[in-house]
Amino acid sequence: MSDGPKLHKAKDVWAQLEGTRPKDPHPHNVFHPPYNMGVAAALVGGVVAFGYGSMYMGMRHQQIKQGYWK
């Protein structure tokens, strides 16, 4: 019942493992520049406005519900 620690043996044969993989001529990164500045600005602005608006509306709802604002 007392198994020893598991050994990670991939580090010993990493060069051999990489040699069996196909070569990728184009790395698939998450973001590919160049970016369209207008679209990026609109997305960032929209996210900020939506976040602020949703927090403000939640606060406004609670203030009216609890009778602090009329």
N, C-alpha and C. Protein backbone atom coordinates (compact mmCIF):
# COMPACT_ATOMS: atom_id res chain seq x y z
N MET A 1 0.80 -1.21 0.00
CA MET A 1 0.00 0.00 0.00
C MET A 1 0.84 1.26 0.00
N SER A 2 2.10 1.14 0.28
CA SER A 2 2.93 2.34 0.31
C SER A 2 3.67 2.49 -1.02
N ASP A 3 2.95 3.04 -1.99
CA ASP A 3 3.57 3.27 -3.29
C ASP A 3 4.51 4.45 -3.19
N GLY A 4 5.59 4.36 -3.91
CA GLY A 4 6.55 5.46 -3.94
C GLY A 4 6.01 6.60 -4.80
N PRO A 5 6.73 7.70 -4.82
CA PRO A 5 6.27 8.82 -5.63
C PRO A 5 6.34 8.49 -7.11
N LYS A 6 5.41 9.06 -7.88
CA LYS A 6 5.42 8.83 -9.32
C LYS A 6 6.52 9.67 -9.95
N LEU A 7 7.27 9.06 -10.81
CA LEU A 7 8.37 9.76 -11.47
C LEU A 7 7.89 10.29 -12.82
N HIS A 8 8.24 11.50 -13.12
CA HIS A 8 7.91 12.10 -14.40
C HIS A 8 9.05 11.82 -15.35
N LYS A 9 8.84 10.86 -16.23
CA LYS A 9 9.91 10.39 -17.09
C LYS A 9 9.94 11.11 -18.43
N ALA A 10 8.97 11.97 -18.73
CA ALA A 10 8.94 12.65 -20.02
C ALA A 10 10.13 13.57 -20.19
N LYS A 11 10.61 14.15 -19.10
CA LYS A 11 11.75 15.07 -19.21
C LYS A 11 13.00 14.36 -19.68
N ASP A 12 13.08 13.06 -19.45
CA ASP A 12 14.26 12.31 -19.86
C ASP A 12 14.27 12.01 -21.36
N VAL A 13 13.09 11.94 -21.98
CA VAL A 13 13.01 11.60 -23.41
C VAL A 13 12.32 12.71 -24.20
N TRP A 14 12.42 13.95 -23.72
CA TRP A 14 11.70 15.05 -24.36
C TRP A 14 12.16 15.29 -25.80
N ALA A 15 13.44 15.22 -26.06
CA ALA A 15 13.95 15.43 -27.43
C ALA A 15 13.39 14.37 -28.37
N GLN A 16 13.30 13.15 -27.91
CA GLN A 16 12.76 12.07 -28.73
C GLN A 16 11.26 12.30 -28.99
N LEU A 17 10.52 12.74 -27.98
CA LEU A 17 9.10 13.02 -28.16
C LEU A 17 8.87 14.17 -29.15
N GLU A 18 9.67 15.22 -29.04
CA GLU A 18 9.52 16.35 -29.96
C GLU A 18 9.85 15.96 -31.39
N GLY A 19 10.76 15.02 -31.56
CA GLY A 19 11.13 14.57 -32.89
C GLY A 19 10.01 13.83 -33.60
N THR A 20 9.05 13.28 -32.86
CA THR A 20 7.95 12.54 -33.48
C THR A 20 6.78 13.44 -33.84
N ARG A 21 6.78 14.67 -33.37
CA ARG A 21 5.67 15.58 -33.66
C ARG A 21 5.84 16.24 -35.03
N PRO A 22 4.73 16.50 -35.73
CA PRO A 22 4.86 17.19 -37.02
C PRO A 22 5.28 18.64 -36.80
N LYS A 23 6.03 19.16 -37.76
CA LYS A 23 6.49 20.55 -37.66
C LYS A 23 5.33 21.48 -38.03
N ASP A 24 5.07 22.48 -37.20
CA ASP A 24 4.00 23.44 -37.44
C ASP A 24 4.61 24.70 -38.05
N PRO A 25 4.31 24.99 -39.33
CA PRO A 25 4.92 26.16 -39.96
C PRO A 25 4.36 27.48 -39.44
N HIS A 26 3.19 27.44 -38.86
CA HIS A 26 2.55 28.67 -38.37
C HIS A 26 2.06 28.43 -36.95
N PRO A 27 2.72 29.01 -35.95
CA PRO A 27 2.24 28.81 -34.57
C PRO A 27 0.89 29.50 -34.37
N HIS A 28 0.00 28.83 -33.72
CA HIS A 28 -1.34 29.36 -33.52
C HIS A 28 -1.42 30.05 -32.16
N ASN A 29 -1.06 31.30 -32.15
CA ASN A 29 -1.14 32.09 -30.92
C ASN A 29 -2.57 32.52 -30.68
N VAL A 30 -2.87 32.91 -29.47
CA VAL A 30 -4.22 33.34 -29.14
C VAL A 30 -4.55 34.65 -29.85
N PHE A 31 -3.62 35.60 -29.84
CA PHE A 31 -3.84 36.90 -30.47
C PHE A 31 -2.88 37.05 -31.64
N HIS A 32 -3.41 37.51 -32.75
CA HIS A 32 -2.60 37.73 -33.94
C HIS A 32 -2.63 39.21 -34.31
N PRO A 33 -1.55 39.95 -34.10
CA PRO A 33 -1.53 41.33 -34.56
C PRO A 33 -1.43 41.36 -36.07
N PRO A 34 -1.76 42.40 -36.74
CA PRO A 34 -2.11 43.73 -36.24
C PRO A 34 -3.59 43.79 -35.85
N TYR A 35 -3.87 44.59 -34.86
CA TYR A 35 -5.22 44.74 -34.36
C TYR A 35 -5.88 45.98 -34.97
N ASN A 36 -7.16 45.92 -35.17
CA ASN A 36 -7.90 47.09 -35.62
C ASN A 36 -8.18 47.94 -34.38
N MET A 37 -7.59 49.12 -34.34
CA MET A 37 -7.67 49.97 -33.15
C MET A 37 -9.10 50.37 -32.84
N GLY A 38 -9.91 50.64 -33.85
CA GLY A 38 -11.30 51.03 -33.61
C GLY A 38 -12.12 49.92 -32.97
N VAL A 39 -11.95 48.72 -33.48
CA VAL A 39 -12.69 47.58 -32.92
C VAL A 39 -12.24 47.29 -31.49
N ALA A 40 -10.92 47.33 -31.26
CA ALA A 40 -10.41 47.07 -29.91
C ALA A 40 -10.90 48.13 -28.94
N ALA A 41 -10.87 49.39 -29.35
CA ALA A 41 -11.35 50.47 -28.47
C ALA A 41 -12.84 50.33 -28.20
N ALA A 42 -13.62 49.97 -29.21
CA ALA A 42 -15.06 49.80 -29.02
C ALA A 42 -15.36 48.64 -28.07
N LEU A 43 -14.62 47.55 -28.21
CA LEU A 43 -14.84 46.41 -27.31
C LEU A 43 -14.47 46.74 -25.87
N VAL A 44 -13.33 47.38 -25.68
CA VAL A 44 -12.92 47.74 -24.33
C VAL A 44 -13.90 48.75 -23.74
N GLY A 45 -14.26 49.76 -24.51
CA GLY A 45 -15.23 50.75 -24.03
C GLY A 45 -16.58 50.14 -23.71
N GLY A 46 -17.03 49.21 -24.54
CA GLY A 46 -18.30 48.54 -24.29
C GLY A 46 -18.28 47.71 -23.03
N VAL A 47 -17.18 47.01 -22.79
CA VAL A 47 -17.06 46.19 -21.58
C VAL A 47 -17.05 47.08 -20.34
N VAL A 48 -16.30 48.19 -20.40
CA VAL A 48 -16.25 49.10 -19.26
C VAL A 48 -17.61 49.73 -19.02
N ALA A 49 -18.29 50.17 -20.08
CA ALA A 49 -19.60 50.79 -19.93
C ALA A 49 -20.62 49.79 -19.40
N PHE A 50 -20.60 48.56 -19.91
CA PHE A 50 -21.54 47.55 -19.43
C PHE A 50 -21.28 47.23 -17.96
N GLY A 51 -20.01 47.11 -17.59
CA GLY A 51 -19.68 46.81 -16.19
C GLY A 51 -20.10 47.92 -15.26
N TYR A 52 -19.79 49.17 -15.63
CA TYR A 52 -20.19 50.31 -14.80
C TYR A 52 -21.70 50.40 -14.74
N GLY A 53 -22.36 50.26 -15.89
CA GLY A 53 -23.82 50.37 -15.92
C GLY A 53 -24.52 49.31 -15.09
N SER A 54 -24.02 48.07 -15.16
CA SER A 54 -24.66 47.01 -14.39
C SER A 54 -24.46 47.22 -12.89
N MET A 55 -23.28 47.68 -12.48
CA MET A 55 -23.05 47.95 -11.06
C MET A 55 -23.89 49.14 -10.58
N TYR A 56 -23.97 50.17 -11.40
CA TYR A 56 -24.76 51.34 -11.02
C TYR A 56 -26.24 50.98 -10.91
N MET A 57 -26.74 50.22 -11.87
CA MET A 57 -28.16 49.86 -11.83
C MET A 57 -28.46 48.96 -10.63
N GLY A 58 -27.53 48.08 -10.26
CA GLY A 58 -27.73 47.26 -9.07
C GLY A 58 -27.75 48.11 -7.81
N MET A 59 -26.84 49.08 -7.73
CA MET A 59 -26.81 49.98 -6.57
C MET A 59 -28.09 50.82 -6.53
N ARG A 60 -28.49 51.33 -7.69
CA ARG A 60 -29.71 52.16 -7.76
C ARG A 60 -30.93 51.36 -7.31
N HIS A 61 -31.02 50.12 -7.76
CA HIS A 61 -32.15 49.26 -7.38
C HIS A 61 -32.18 49.06 -5.86
N GLN A 62 -31.03 48.79 -5.26
CA GLN A 62 -30.99 48.57 -3.81
C GLN A 62 -31.32 49.85 -3.04
N GLN A 63 -30.84 50.99 -3.50
CA GLN A 63 -31.11 52.25 -2.82
C GLN A 63 -32.61 52.56 -2.85
N ILE A 64 -33.24 52.34 -4.00
CA ILE A 64 -34.69 52.60 -4.11
C ILE A 64 -35.46 51.57 -3.28
N LYS A 65 -35.06 50.31 -3.36
CA LYS A 65 -35.74 49.23 -2.63
C LYS A 65 -35.68 49.46 -1.12
N GLN A 66 -34.56 49.96 -0.62
CA GLN A 66 -34.40 50.14 0.81
C GLN A 66 -34.86 51.52 1.28
N GLY A 67 -35.33 52.35 0.37
CA GLY A 67 -35.94 53.60 0.75
C GLY A 67 -34.98 54.78 0.90
N TYR A 68 -33.73 54.63 0.52
CA TYR A 68 -32.80 55.75 0.64
C TYR A 68 -33.02 56.77 -0.48
N TRP A 69 -33.35 56.31 -1.66
CA TRP A 69 -33.66 57.18 -2.78
C TRP A 69 -35.15 57.06 -3.08
N LYS A 70 -35.72 58.13 -3.54
CA LYS A 70 -37.15 58.10 -3.87
C LYS A 70 -37.33 57.99 -5.36
